[in-house]
PDB file of N, CA and C in Angstrom:
ATOM      1  N   MET A   1      -2.840  33.075   4.553  1.00  0.00           N
ATOM      2  CA  MET A   1      -3.667  34.216   4.659  1.00  0.00           C
ATOM      3  C   MET A   1      -3.509  35.106   3.386  1.00  0.00           C
ATOM      4  N   LYS A   2      -4.636  35.458   2.806  1.00  0.00           N
ATOM      5  CA  LYS A   2      -4.556  36.223   1.603  1.00  0.00           C
ATOM      6  C   LYS A   2      -5.477  37.442   1.738  1.00  0.00           C
ATOM      7  N   THR A   3      -5.080  38.530   1.020  1.00  0.00           N
ATOM      8  CA  THR A   3      -5.906  39.665   0.911  1.00  0.00           C
ATOM      9  C   THR A   3      -7.064  39.377  -0.058  1.00  0.00           C
ATOM     10  N   ILE A   4      -8.070  40.288  -0.136  1.00  0.00           N
ATOM     11  CA  ILE A   4      -9.208  40.074  -1.021  1.00  0.00           C
ATOM     12  C   ILE A   4      -8.649  40.017  -2.496  1.00  0.00           C
ATOM     13  N   GLY A   5      -7.717  40.882  -2.865  1.00  0.00           N
ATOM     14  CA  GLY A   5      -7.149  40.865  -4.164  1.00  0.00           C
ATOM     15  C   GLY A   5      -6.425  39.606  -4.482  1.00  0.00           C
ATOM     16  N   GLU A   6      -5.684  39.049  -3.564  1.00  0.00           N
ATOM     17  CA  GLU A   6      -4.993  37.825  -3.871  1.00  0.00           C
ATOM     18  C   GLU A   6      -5.973  36.661  -3.973  1.00  0.00           C
ATOM     19  N   ALA A   7      -7.018  36.650  -3.114  1.00  0.00           N
ATOM     20  CA  ALA A   7      -8.018  35.596  -3.143  1.00  0.00           C
ATOM     21  C   ALA A   7      -8.756  35.678  -4.428  1.00  0.00           C
ATOM     22  N   ALA A   8      -9.129  36.874  -4.840  1.00  0.00           N
ATOM     23  CA  ALA A   8      -9.858  36.978  -6.087  1.00  0.00           C
ATOM     24  C   ALA A   8      -9.007  36.523  -7.332  1.00  0.00           C
ATOM     25  N   ALA A   9      -7.781  36.921  -7.311  1.00  0.00           N
ATOM     26  CA  ALA A   9      -6.893  36.496  -8.365  1.00  0.00           C
ATOM     27  C   ALA A   9      -6.773  34.942  -8.456  1.00  0.00           C
ATOM     28  N   GLU A  10      -6.626  34.319  -7.290  1.00  0.00           N
ATOM     29  CA  GLU A  10      -6.503  32.859  -7.256  1.00  0.00           C
ATOM     30  C   GLU A  10      -7.752  32.174  -7.773  1.00  0.00           C
ATOM     31  N   LEU A  11      -8.932  32.775  -7.458  1.00  0.00           N
ATOM     32  CA  LEU A  11     -10.179  32.242  -7.931  1.00  0.00           C
ATOM     33  C   LEU A  11     -10.529  32.562  -9.369  1.00  0.00           C
ATOM     34  N   GLY A  12      -9.871  33.638  -9.901  1.00  0.00           N
ATOM     35  CA  GLY A  12     -10.139  34.022 -11.244  1.00  0.00           C
ATOM     36  C   GLY A  12     -11.406  34.899 -11.367  1.00  0.00           C
ATOM     37  N   ILE A  13     -11.685  35.667 -10.276  1.00  0.00           N
ATOM     38  CA  ILE A  13     -12.882  36.525 -10.305  1.00  0.00           C
ATOM     39  C   ILE A  13     -12.451  37.915  -9.766  1.00  0.00           C
ATOM     40  N   ASP A  14     -13.319  38.841  -9.787  1.00  0.00           N
ATOM     41  CA  ASP A  14     -13.040  40.205  -9.318  1.00  0.00           C
ATOM     42  C   ASP A  14     -13.329  40.284  -7.871  1.00  0.00           C
ATOM     43  N   ALA A  15     -12.595  41.172  -7.170  1.00  0.00           N
ATOM     44  CA  ALA A  15     -12.750  41.325  -5.767  1.00  0.00           C
ATOM     45  C   ALA A  15     -14.203  41.733  -5.379  1.00  0.00           C
ATOM     46  N   HIS A  16     -14.816  42.555  -6.213  1.00  0.00           N
ATOM     47  CA  HIS A  16     -16.195  42.988  -5.897  1.00  0.00           C
ATOM     48  C   HIS A  16     -17.143  41.830  -5.776  1.00  0.00           C
ATOM     49  N   VAL A  17     -16.806  40.723  -6.512  1.00  0.00           N
ATOM     50  CA  VAL A  17     -17.677  39.555  -6.479  1.00  0.00           C
ATOM     51  C   VAL A  17     -17.649  38.925  -5.090  1.00  0.00           C
ATOM     52  N   LEU A  18     -16.385  38.814  -4.514  1.00  0.00           N
ATOM     53  CA  LEU A  18     -16.216  38.253  -3.198  1.00  0.00           C
ATOM     54  C   LEU A  18     -16.949  39.157  -2.118  1.00  0.00           C
ATOM     55  N   ARG A  19     -16.902  40.434  -2.295  1.00  0.00           N
ATOM     56  CA  ARG A  19     -17.601  41.343  -1.396  1.00  0.00           C
ATOM     57  C   ARG A  19     -19.091  41.114  -1.491  1.00  0.00           C
ATOM     58  N   HIS A  20     -19.609  40.989  -2.705  1.00  0.00           N
ATOM     59  CA  HIS A  20     -21.050  40.734  -2.982  1.00  0.00           C
ATOM     60  C   HIS A  20     -21.488  39.398  -2.329  1.00  0.00           C
ATOM     61  N   TRP A  21     -20.638  38.372  -2.483  1.00  0.00           N
ATOM     62  CA  TRP A  21     -21.006  37.012  -1.843  1.00  0.00           C
ATOM     63  C   TRP A  21     -21.046  37.196  -0.355  1.00  0.00           C
ATOM     64  N   GLU A  22     -20.141  37.920   0.207  1.00  0.00           N
ATOM     65  CA  GLU A  22     -20.150  38.118   1.666  1.00  0.00           C
ATOM     66  C   GLU A  22     -21.324  38.899   2.092  1.00  0.00           C
ATOM     67  N   ASP A  23     -21.689  39.932   1.420  1.00  0.00           N
ATOM     68  CA  ASP A  23     -22.907  40.758   1.669  1.00  0.00           C
ATOM     69  C   ASP A  23     -24.144  39.879   1.654  1.00  0.00           C
ATOM     70  N   ALA A  24     -24.184  38.934   0.649  1.00  0.00           N
ATOM     71  CA  ALA A  24     -25.373  38.102   0.453  1.00  0.00           C
ATOM     72  C   ALA A  24     -25.417  37.007   1.507  1.00  0.00           C
ATOM     73  N   GLY A  25     -24.360  36.727   2.272  1.00  0.00           N
ATOM     74  CA  GLY A  25     -24.383  35.683   3.244  1.00  0.00           C
ATOM     75  C   GLY A  25     -23.873  34.364   2.751  1.00  0.00           C
ATOM     76  N   ALA A  26     -23.329  34.302   1.538  1.00  0.00           N
ATOM     77  CA  ALA A  26     -22.817  33.100   0.983  1.00  0.00           C
ATOM     78  C   ALA A  26     -21.352  32.814   1.387  1.00  0.00           C
ATOM     79  N   LEU A  27     -20.725  33.775   1.941  1.00  0.00           N
ATOM     80  CA  LEU A  27     -19.280  33.688   2.247  1.00  0.00           C
ATOM     81  C   LEU A  27     -19.004  34.402   3.595  1.00  0.00           C
ATOM     82  N   THR A  28     -18.250  33.721   4.469  1.00  0.00           N
ATOM     83  CA  THR A  28     -17.902  34.309   5.749  1.00  0.00           C
ATOM     84  C   THR A  28     -16.347  34.509   5.765  1.00  0.00           C
ATOM     85  N   VAL A  29     -16.013  35.788   5.912  1.00  0.00           N
ATOM     86  CA  VAL A  29     -14.582  36.084   5.916  1.00  0.00           C
ATOM     87  C   VAL A  29     -14.238  36.846   7.182  1.00  0.00           C
ATOM     88  N   ARG A  30     -13.139  36.439   7.735  1.00  0.00           N
ATOM     89  CA  ARG A  30     -12.604  37.064   8.936  1.00  0.00           C
ATOM     90  C   ARG A  30     -11.974  38.372   8.639  1.00  0.00           C
ATOM     91  N   ARG A  31     -11.918  39.289   9.598  1.00  0.00           N
ATOM     92  CA  ARG A  31     -11.283  40.651   9.399  1.00  0.00           C
ATOM     93  C   ARG A  31     -10.072  40.673  10.374  1.00  0.00           C
ATOM     94  N   ASP A  32      -9.042  41.406   9.835  1.00  0.00           N
ATOM     95  CA  ASP A  32      -7.871  41.660  10.752  1.00  0.00           C
ATOM     96  C   ASP A  32      -8.055  42.805  11.649  1.00  0.00           C
ATOM     97  N   GLY A  33      -7.173  43.205  12.409  1.00  0.00           N
ATOM     98  CA  GLY A  33      -7.267  44.324  13.366  1.00  0.00           C
ATOM     99  C   GLY A  33      -7.583  45.701  12.733  1.00  0.00           C
ATOM    100  N   ASN A  34      -7.266  45.831  11.429  1.00  0.00           N
ATOM    101  CA  ASN A  34      -7.547  47.060  10.713  1.00  0.00           C
ATOM    102  C   ASN A  34      -8.894  46.988   9.938  1.00  0.00           C
ATOM    103  N   GLY A  35      -9.545  45.905  10.075  1.00  0.00           N
ATOM    104  CA  GLY A  35     -10.887  45.749   9.378  1.00  0.00           C
ATOM    105  C   GLY A  35     -10.772  45.192   7.962  1.00  0.00           C
ATOM    106  N   TYR A  36      -9.592  44.819   7.575  1.00  0.00           N
ATOM    107  CA  TYR A  36      -9.430  44.236   6.175  1.00  0.00           C
ATOM    108  C   TYR A  36      -9.796  42.759   6.159  1.00  0.00           C
ATOM    109  N   ARG A  37     -10.417  42.375   5.108  1.00  0.00           N
ATOM    110  CA  ARG A  37     -10.730  40.953   4.949  1.00  0.00           C
ATOM    111  C   ARG A  37      -9.488  40.118   4.857  1.00  0.00           C
ATOM    112  N   VAL A  38      -9.533  38.924   5.520  1.00  0.00           N
ATOM    113  CA  VAL A  38      -8.411  37.999   5.502  1.00  0.00           C
ATOM    114  C   VAL A  38      -8.972  36.654   5.069  1.00  0.00           C
ATOM    115  N   TYR A  39      -8.413  36.159   4.013  1.00  0.00           N
ATOM    116  CA  TYR A  39      -8.907  34.881   3.460  1.00  0.00           C
ATOM    117  C   TYR A  39      -7.967  33.731   3.810  1.00  0.00           C
ATOM    118  N   ASP A  40      -8.420  32.962   4.816  1.00  0.00           N
ATOM    119  CA  ASP A  40      -7.637  31.771   5.190  1.00  0.00           C
ATOM    120  C   ASP A  40      -8.109  30.579   4.277  1.00  0.00           C
ATOM    121  N   ASP A  41      -7.512  29.412   4.558  1.00  0.00           N
ATOM    122  CA  ASP A  41      -7.853  28.289   3.712  1.00  0.00           C
ATOM    123  C   ASP A  41      -9.315  27.983   3.771  1.00  0.00           C
ATOM    124  N   GLY A  42      -9.970  28.075   4.918  1.00  0.00           N
ATOM    125  CA  GLY A  42     -11.414  27.825   5.069  1.00  0.00           C
ATOM    126  C   GLY A  42     -12.267  28.809   4.181  1.00  0.00           C
ATOM    127  N   ALA A  43     -11.909  30.057   4.215  1.00  0.00           N
ATOM    128  CA  ALA A  43     -12.675  31.042   3.433  1.00  0.00           C
ATOM    129  C   ALA A  43     -12.449  30.836   1.949  1.00  0.00           C
ATOM    130  N   LEU A  44     -11.209  30.397   1.636  1.00  0.00           N
ATOM    131  CA  LEU A  44     -10.968  30.139   0.204  1.00  0.00           C
ATOM    132  C   LEU A  44     -11.697  28.960  -0.328  1.00  0.00           C
ATOM    133  N   GLU A  45     -11.787  27.931   0.526  1.00  0.00           N
ATOM    134  CA  GLU A  45     -12.553  26.680   0.191  1.00  0.00           C
ATOM    135  C   GLU A  45     -14.077  27.051   0.038  1.00  0.00           C
ATOM    136  N   GLN A  46     -14.511  27.826   0.951  1.00  0.00           N
ATOM    137  CA  GLN A  46     -15.943  28.286   0.905  1.00  0.00           C
ATOM    138  C   GLN A  46     -16.147  29.073  -0.398  1.00  0.00           C
ATOM    139  N   ALA A  47     -15.250  29.917  -0.723  1.00  0.00           N
ATOM    140  CA  ALA A  47     -15.421  30.723  -1.947  1.00  0.00           C
ATOM    141  C   ALA A  47     -15.414  29.831  -3.243  1.00  0.00           C
ATOM    142  N   ARG A  48     -14.514  28.799  -3.166  1.00  0.00           N
ATOM    143  CA  ARG A  48     -14.497  27.814  -4.309  1.00  0.00           C
ATOM    144  C   ARG A  48     -15.832  27.141  -4.480  1.00  0.00           C
ATOM    145  N   THR A  49     -16.388  26.741  -3.355  1.00  0.00           N
ATOM    146  CA  THR A  49     -17.700  26.079  -3.333  1.00  0.00           C
ATOM    147  C   THR A  49     -18.791  26.999  -3.961  1.00  0.00           C
ATOM    148  N   VAL A  50     -18.834  28.295  -3.465  1.00  0.00           N
ATOM    149  CA  VAL A  50     -19.805  29.255  -3.985  1.00  0.00           C
ATOM    150  C   VAL A  50     -19.568  29.393  -5.557  1.00  0.00           C
ATOM    151  N   LEU A  51     -18.277  29.472  -5.906  1.00  0.00           N
ATOM    152  CA  LEU A  51     -17.962  29.693  -7.370  1.00  0.00           C
ATOM    153  C   LEU A  51     -18.501  28.500  -8.205  1.00  0.00           C
ATOM    154  N   LYS A  52     -18.254  27.286  -7.673  1.00  0.00           N
ATOM    155  CA  LYS A  52     -18.671  26.079  -8.423  1.00  0.00           C
ATOM    156  C   LYS A  52     -20.166  26.029  -8.507  1.00  0.00           C
ATOM    157  N   LEU A  53     -20.849  26.343  -7.387  1.00  0.00           N
ATOM    158  CA  LEU A  53     -22.312  26.333  -7.459  1.00  0.00           C
ATOM    159  C   LEU A  53     -22.893  27.422  -8.338  1.00  0.00           C
ATOM    160  N   ARG A  54     -22.279  28.525  -8.385  1.00  0.00           N
ATOM    161  CA  ARG A  54     -22.701  29.618  -9.377  1.00  0.00           C
ATOM    162  C   ARG A  54     -22.487  29.100 -10.794  1.00  0.00           C
ATOM    163  N   ARG A  55     -21.359  28.501 -11.047  1.00  0.00           N
ATOM    164  CA  ARG A  55     -21.091  28.041 -12.424  1.00  0.00           C
ATOM    165  C   ARG A  55     -22.001  26.971 -12.951  1.00  0.00           C
ATOM    166  N   VAL A  56     -22.528  26.154 -12.036  1.00  0.00           N
ATOM    167  CA  VAL A  56     -23.454  25.085 -12.426  1.00  0.00           C
ATOM    168  C   VAL A  56     -24.912  25.605 -12.446  1.00  0.00           C
ATOM    169  N   GLY A  57     -25.054  26.875 -12.233  1.00  0.00           N
ATOM    170  CA  GLY A  57     -26.363  27.504 -12.465  1.00  0.00           C
ATOM    171  C   GLY A  57     -27.212  27.963 -11.277  1.00  0.00           C
ATOM    172  N   LEU A  58     -26.689  27.823 -10.107  1.00  0.00           N
ATOM    173  CA  LEU A  58     -27.457  28.257  -8.938  1.00  0.00           C
ATOM    174  C   LEU A  58     -27.388  29.741  -8.799  1.00  0.00           C
ATOM    175  N   SER A  59     -28.468  30.378  -8.485  1.00  0.00           N
ATOM    176  CA  SER A  59     -28.500  31.862  -8.176  1.00  0.00           C
ATOM    177  C   SER A  59     -27.838  32.000  -6.802  1.00  0.00           C
ATOM    178  N   LEU A  60     -27.443  33.224  -6.488  1.00  0.00           N
ATOM    179  CA  LEU A  60     -26.839  33.492  -5.239  1.00  0.00           C
ATOM    180  C   LEU A  60     -27.733  33.082  -4.021  1.00  0.00           C
ATOM    181  N   PRO A  61     -29.043  33.390  -4.098  1.00  0.00           N
ATOM    182  CA  PRO A  61     -29.898  32.983  -2.971  1.00  0.00           C
ATOM    183  C   PRO A  61     -29.989  31.379  -2.938  1.00  0.00           C
ATOM    184  N   GLU A  62     -29.930  30.730  -4.061  1.00  0.00           N
ATOM    185  CA  GLU A  62     -29.952  29.271  -4.030  1.00  0.00           C
ATOM    186  C   GLU A  62     -28.567  28.804  -3.466  1.00  0.00           C
ATOM    187  N   VAL A  63     -27.506  29.436  -3.744  1.00  0.00           N
ATOM    188  CA  VAL A  63     -26.178  29.115  -3.195  1.00  0.00           C
ATOM    189  C   VAL A  63     -26.233  29.234  -1.680  1.00  0.00           C
ATOM    190  N   VAL A  64     -26.832  30.298  -1.206  1.00  0.00           N
ATOM    191  CA  VAL A  64     -26.912  30.462   0.286  1.00  0.00           C
ATOM    192  C   VAL A  64     -27.699  29.365   0.898  1.00  0.00           C
ATOM    193  N   ALA A  65     -28.830  29.030   0.229  1.00  0.00           N
ATOM    194  CA  ALA A  65     -29.671  27.985   0.758  1.00  0.00           C
ATOM    195  C   ALA A  65     -29.001  26.640   0.686  1.00  0.00           C
ATOM    196  N   ALA A  66     -28.266  26.372  -0.454  1.00  0.00           N
ATOM    197  CA  ALA A  66     -27.556  25.124  -0.711  1.00  0.00           C
ATOM    198  C   ALA A  66     -26.426  24.856   0.333  1.00  0.00           C
ATOM    199  N   MET A  67     -25.922  25.996   0.896  1.00  0.00           N
ATOM    200  CA  MET A  67     -24.870  25.898   1.884  1.00  0.00           C
ATOM    201  C   MET A  67     -25.422  25.952   3.300  1.00  0.00           C
ATOM    202  N   ALA A  68     -26.737  25.641   3.439  1.00  0.00           N
ATOM    203  CA  ALA A  68     -27.362  25.645   4.717  1.00  0.00           C
ATOM    204  C   ALA A  68     -26.676  24.631   5.692  1.00  0.00           C
ATOM    205  N   PRO A  69     -26.730  24.957   6.968  1.00  0.00           N
ATOM    206  CA  PRO A  69     -26.085  24.049   7.910  1.00  0.00           C
ATOM    207  C   PRO A  69     -26.691  22.598   7.966  1.00  0.00           C
ATOM    208  N   THR A  70     -27.935  22.530   7.664  1.00  0.00           N
ATOM    209  CA  THR A  70     -28.558  21.200   7.641  1.00  0.00           C
ATOM    210  C   THR A  70     -28.488  20.519   6.256  1.00  0.00           C
ATOM    211  N   LYS A  71     -28.115  19.337   6.237  1.00  0.00           N
ATOM    212  CA  LYS A  71     -27.976  18.681   4.905  1.00  0.00           C
ATOM    213  C   LYS A  71     -29.319  18.535   4.179  1.00  0.00           C
ATOM    214  N   SER A  72     -30.416  18.236   4.916  1.00  0.00           N
ATOM    215  CA  SER A  72     -31.711  18.106   4.236  1.00  0.00           C
ATOM    216  C   SER A  72     -32.114  19.434   3.627  1.00  0.00           C
ATOM    217  N   ALA A  73     -31.867  20.572   4.186  1.00  0.00           N
ATOM    218  CA  ALA A  73     -32.208  21.840   3.617  1.00  0.00           C
ATOM    219  C   ALA A  73     -31.459  22.099   2.370  1.00  0.00           C
ATOM    220  N   ALA A  74     -30.110  21.810   2.462  1.00  0.00           N
ATOM    221  CA  ALA A  74     -29.289  21.962   1.277  1.00  0.00           C
ATOM    222  C   ALA A  74     -29.637  21.022   0.151  1.00  0.00           C
ATOM    223  N   GLN A  75     -29.999  19.810   0.474  1.00  0.00           N
ATOM    224  CA  GLN A  75     -30.347  18.807  -0.510  1.00  0.00           C
ATOM    225  C   GLN A  75     -31.697  19.213  -1.218  1.00  0.00           C
ATOM    226  N   ALA A  76     -32.617  19.798  -0.462  1.00  0.00           N
ATOM    227  CA  ALA A  76     -33.866  20.254  -1.071  1.00  0.00           C
ATOM    228  C   ALA A  76     -33.624  21.310  -2.252  1.00  0.00           C
ATOM    229  N   VAL A  77     -32.696  22.232  -1.923  1.00  0.00           N
ATOM    230  CA  VAL A  77     -32.357  23.289  -2.855  1.00  0.00           C
ATOM    231  C   VAL A  77     -31.766  22.667  -4.120  1.00  0.00           C
ATOM    232  N   VAL A  78     -30.848  21.740  -3.898  1.00  0.00           N
ATOM    233  CA  VAL A  78     -30.129  21.123  -5.059  1.00  0.00           C
ATOM    234  C   VAL A  78     -31.077  20.253  -5.844  1.00  0.00           C
ATOM    235  N   ARG A  79     -31.951  19.529  -5.184  1.00  0.00           N
ATOM    236  CA  ARG A  79     -32.974  18.684  -5.874  1.00  0.00           C
ATOM    237  C   ARG A  79     -33.851  19.586  -6.779  1.00  0.00           C
ATOM    238  N   ALA A  80     -34.272  20.726  -6.211  1.00  0.00           N
ATOM    239  CA  ALA A  80     -35.093  21.608  -6.960  1.00  0.00           C
ATOM    240  C   ALA A  80     -34.378  22.158  -8.213  1.00  0.00           C
ATOM    241  N   LYS A  81     -33.095  22.445  -8.068  1.00  0.00           N
ATOM    242  CA  LYS A  81     -32.332  22.955  -9.142  1.00  0.00           C
ATOM    243  C   LYS A  81     -32.167  21.833 -10.265  1.00  0.00           C
ATOM    244  N   ILE A  82     -31.974  20.601  -9.804  1.00  0.00           N
ATOM    245  CA  ILE A  82     -31.816  19.485 -10.786  1.00  0.00           C
ATOM    246  C   ILE A  82     -33.171  19.403 -11.543  1.00  0.00           C
ATOM    247  N   GLY A  83     -34.307  19.467 -10.905  1.00  0.00           N
ATOM    248  CA  GLY A  83     -35.567  19.437 -11.535  1.00  0.00           C
ATOM    249  C   GLY A  83     -35.681  20.526 -12.570  1.00  0.00           C
ATOM    250  N   ALA A  84     -35.308  21.703 -12.233  1.00  0.00           N
ATOM    251  CA  ALA A  84     -35.389  22.820 -13.123  1.00  0.00           C
ATOM    252  C   ALA A  84     -34.508  22.673 -14.324  1.00  0.00           C
ATOM    253  N   LEU A  85     -33.274  22.147 -14.126  1.00  0.00           N
ATOM    254  CA  LEU A  85     -32.387  21.942 -15.240  1.00  0.00           C
ATOM    255  C   LEU A  85     -32.884  20.813 -16.166  1.00  0.00           C
ATOM    256  N   GLU A  86     -33.505  19.810 -15.577  1.00  0.00           N
ATOM    257  CA  GLU A  86     -34.027  18.678 -16.361  1.00  0.00           C
ATOM    258  C   GLU A  86     -35.224  19.234 -17.213  1.00  0.00           C
ATOM    259  N   GLY A  87     -35.934  20.132 -16.678  1.00  0.00           N
ATOM    260  CA  GLY A  87     -37.012  20.765 -17.515  1.00  0.00           C
ATOM    261  C   GLY A  87     -36.482  21.585 -18.606  1.00  0.00           C
ATOM    262  N   GLU A  88     -35.406  22.284 -18.368  1.00  0.00           N
ATOM    263  CA  GLU A  88     -34.743  23.065 -19.489  1.00  0.00           C
ATOM    264  C   GLU A  88     -34.207  22.164 -20.548  1.00  0.00           C
ATOM    265  N   ILE A  89     -33.681  21.011 -20.139  1.00  0.00           N
ATOM    266  CA  ILE A  89     -33.136  20.044 -21.113  1.00  0.00           C
ATOM    267  C   ILE A  89     -34.338  19.573 -22.022  1.00  0.00           C
ATOM    268  N   VAL A  90     -35.447  19.246 -21.415  1.00  0.00           N
ATOM    269  CA  VAL A  90     -36.574  18.765 -22.239  1.00  0.00           C
ATOM    270  C   VAL A  90     -37.024  19.872 -23.148  1.00  0.00           C
ATOM    271  N   HIS A  91     -37.160  21.121 -22.696  1.00  0.00           N
ATOM    272  CA  HIS A  91     -37.587  22.207 -23.537  1.00  0.00           C
ATOM    273  C   HIS A  91     -36.555  22.439 -24.653  1.00  0.00           C
ATOM    274  N   ARG A  92     -35.304  22.395 -24.409  1.00  0.00           N
ATOM    275  CA  ARG A  92     -34.221  22.552 -25.470  1.00  0.00           C
ATOM    276  C   ARG A  92     -34.366  21.459 -26.441  1.00  0.00           C
ATOM    277  N   GLN A  93     -34.553  20.227 -25.989  1.00  0.00           N
ATOM    278  CA  GLN A  93     -34.602  19.109 -26.914  1.00  0.00           C
ATOM    279  C   GLN A  93     -35.820  19.273 -27.857  1.00  0.00           C
ATOM    280  N   GLN A  94     -36.907  19.740 -27.321  1.00  0.00           N
ATOM    281  CA  GLN A  94     -38.119  19.987 -28.179  1.00  0.00           C
ATOM    282  C   GLN A  94     -37.749  21.116 -29.195  1.00  0.00           C
ATOM    283  N   ALA A  95     -37.090  22.075 -28.773  1.00  0.00           N
ATOM    284  CA  ALA A  95     -36.712  23.194 -29.652  1.00  0.00           C
ATOM    285  C   ALA A  95     -35.828  22.667 -30.827  1.00  0.00           C
ATOM    286  N   ILE A  96     -34.880  21.755 -30.450  1.00  0.00           N
ATOM    287  CA  ILE A  96     -34.009  21.132 -31.471  1.00  0.00           C
ATOM    288  C   ILE A  96     -34.807  20.333 -32.445  1.00  0.00           C
ATOM    289  N   THR A  97     -35.695  19.544 -31.906  1.00  0.00           N
ATOM    290  CA  THR A  97     -36.544  18.696 -32.769  1.00  0.00           C
ATOM    291  C   THR A  97     -37.295  19.572 -33.751  1.00  0.00           C
ATOM    292  N   PHE A  98     -37.910  20.609 -33.270  1.00  0.00           N
ATOM    293  CA  PHE A  98     -38.694  21.535 -34.155  1.00  0.00           C
ATOM    294  C   PHE A  98     -37.772  22.149 -35.162  1.00  0.00           C
ATOM    295  N   LEU A  99     -36.652  22.643 -34.793  1.00  0.00           N
ATOM    296  CA  LEU A  99     -35.770  23.329 -35.746  1.00  0.00           C
ATOM    297  C   LEU A  99     -35.160  22.363 -36.755  1.00  0.00           C
ATOM    298  N   GLN A 100     -34.895  21.142 -36.338  1.00  0.00           N
ATOM    299  CA  GLN A 100     -34.408  20.156 -37.292  1.00  0.00           C
ATOM    300  C   GLN A 100     -35.581  19.875 -38.331  1.00  0.00           C
ATOM    301  N   HIS A 101     -36.772  19.861 -37.855  1.00  0.00           N
ATOM    302  CA  HIS A 101     -37.858  19.626 -38.837  1.00  0.00           C
ATOM    303  C   HIS A 101     -37.971  20.761 -39.841  1.00  0.00           C
ATOM    304  N   THR A 102     -37.831  21.975 -39.298  1.00  0.00           N
ATOM    305  CA  THR A 102     -38.016  23.106 -40.209  1.00  0.00           C
ATOM    306  C   THR A 102     -36.877  23.140 -41.240  1.00  0.00           C
ATOM    307  N   VAL A 103     -35.738  22.666 -40.937  1.00  0.00           N
ATOM    308  CA  VAL A 103     -34.622  22.610 -41.908  1.00  0.00           C
ATOM    309  C   VAL A 103     -34.904  21.609 -42.896  1.00  0.00           C
ATOM    310  N   GLU A 104     -35.562  20.450 -42.561  1.00  0.00           N
ATOM    311  CA  GLU A 104     -35.786  19.371 -43.464  1.00  0.00           C
ATOM    312  C   GLU A 104     -37.216  19.446 -44.133  1.00  0.00           C
ATOM    313  N   CYS A 105     -38.033  20.358 -43.680  1.00  0.00           N
ATOM    314  CA  CYS A 105     -39.427  20.423 -44.153  1.00  0.00           C
ATOM    315  C   CYS A 105     -39.483  20.693 -45.618  1.00  0.00           C
ATOM    316  N   ARG A 106     -40.321  19.979 -46.343  1.00  0.00           N
ATOM    317  CA  ARG A 106     -40.504  20.156 -47.726  1.00  0.00           C
ATOM    318  C   ARG A 106     -41.387  21.255 -48.136  1.00  0.00           C
ATOM    319  N   HIS A 107     -42.112  21.857 -47.165  1.00  0.00           N
ATOM    320  CA  HIS A 107     -43.026  22.946 -47.476  1.00  0.00           C
ATOM    321  C   HIS A 107     -42.184  24.314 -47.497  1.00  0.00           C
ATOM    322  N   ARG A 108     -42.626  25.126 -48.386  1.00  0.00           N
ATOM    323  CA  ARG A 108     -41.938  26.433 -48.551  1.00  0.00           C
ATOM    324  C   ARG A 108     -42.071  27.304 -47.323  1.00  0.00           C
ATOM    325  N   TYR A 109     -43.335  27.331 -46.824  1.00  0.00           N
ATOM    326  CA  TYR A 109     -43.704  28.094 -45.695  1.00  0.00           C
ATOM    327  C   TYR A 109     -44.147  27.247 -44.516  1.00  0.00           C
ATOM    328  N   LEU A 110     -43.714  27.540 -43.314  1.00  0.00           N
ATOM    329  CA  LEU A 110     -44.022  26.731 -42.144  1.00  0.00           C
ATOM    330  C   LEU A 110     -45.438  26.613 -41.944  1.00  0.00           C
ATOM    331  N   ASP A 111     -46.253  27.689 -42.301  1.00  0.00           N
ATOM    332  CA  ASP A 111     -47.647  27.616 -42.105  1.00  0.00           C
ATOM    333  C   ASP A 111     -48.305  26.608 -42.978  1.00  0.00           C
ATOM    334  N   ASP A 112     -47.744  26.180 -44.085  1.00  0.00           N
ATOM    335  CA  ASP A 112     -48.276  25.171 -44.938  1.00  0.00           C
ATOM    336  C   ASP A 112     -48.059  23.757 -44.494  1.00  0.00           C
ATOM    337  N   CYS A 113     -47.226  23.602 -43.464  1.00  0.00           N
ATOM    338  CA  CYS A 113     -46.867  22.224 -42.967  1.00  0.00           C
ATOM    339  C   CYS A 113     -47.680  21.805 -41.769  1.00  0.00           C
ATOM    340  N   PRO A 114     -48.412  20.726 -41.887  1.00  0.00           N
ATOM    341  CA  PRO A 114     -49.184  20.280 -40.756  1.00  0.00           C
ATOM    342  C   PRO A 114     -48.342  19.856 -39.551  1.00  0.00           C
ATOM    343  N   ASP A 115     -47.091  19.357 -39.822  1.00  0.00           N
ATOM    344  CA  ASP A 115     -46.177  19.025 -38.681  1.00  0.00           C
ATOM    345  C   ASP A 115     -45.705  20.320 -37.933  1.00  0.00           C
ATOM    346  N   CYS A 116     -45.443  21.338 -38.643  1.00  0.00           N
ATOM    347  CA  CYS A 116     -45.001  22.593 -38.079  1.00  0.00           C
ATOM    348  C   CYS A 116     -46.119  23.177 -37.262  1.00  0.00           C
ATOM    349  N   ALA A 117     -47.371  23.084 -37.815  1.00  0.00           N
ATOM    350  CA  ALA A 117     -48.535  23.572 -37.100  1.00  0.00           C
ATOM    351  C   ALA A 117     -48.744  22.777 -35.828  1.00  0.00           C
ATOM    352  N   ALA A 118     -48.499  21.467 -35.782  1.00  0.00           N
ATOM    353  CA  ALA A 118     -48.616  20.651 -34.587  1.00  0.00           C
ATOM    354  C   ALA A 118     -47.496  21.088 -33.539  1.00  0.00           C
ATOM    355  N   PHE A 119     -46.349  21.345 -34.007  1.00  0.00           N
ATOM    356  CA  PHE A 119     -45.301  21.823 -33.130  1.00  0.00           C
ATOM    357  C   PHE A 119     -45.709  23.107 -32.511  1.00  0.00           C
ATOM    358  N   ALA A 120     -46.226  24.015 -33.302  1.00  0.00           N
ATOM    359  CA  ALA A 120     -46.650  25.318 -32.816  1.00  0.00           C
ATOM    360  C   ALA A 120     -47.767  25.220 -31.748  1.00  0.00           C
ATOM    361  N   ARG A 121     -48.652  24.284 -31.975  1.00  0.00           N
ATOM    362  CA  ARG A 121     -49.760  24.114 -30.980  1.00  0.00           C
ATOM    363  C   ARG A 121     -49.258  23.590 -29.651  1.00  0.00           C
ATOM    364  N   GLU A 122     -48.160  22.875 -29.708  1.00  0.00           N
ATOM    365  CA  GLU A 122     -47.598  22.237 -28.435  1.00  0.00           C
ATOM    366  C   GLU A 122     -46.889  23.331 -27.616  1.00  0.00           C
ATOM    367  N   ALA A 123     -46.360  24.315 -28.254  1.00  0.00           N
ATOM    368  CA  ALA A 123     -45.634  25.347 -27.478  1.00  0.00           C
ATOM    369  C   ALA A 123     -46.408  26.174 -26.577  1.00  0.00           C
TER     370      ALA A 123
END
């Protein structure tokens, strides 16, 4: 059993983050007789899962949905996030391709280059 401060220190986050996760419904924490939060192994494991999901890019509402009691509901959220991340990869690869071209472009001004103009029309 750990206090909120001890749990936060173990996870490497601030205590207010744990409170926020609990308020948002992503974390369930038991209270002792005095109303203090008590983090048992289950709550710590749940917090680790929330932390990992946040670090891979899920928003807090997405985390709550991804931790849904039904596997199909959780999978739908994760699949949607995978699709969004794949879209970001494509967009960033296009940006890299354009920037690499601008570095290697023989034209003094990008407006003079037909390839740069084609990239600009695609955006």
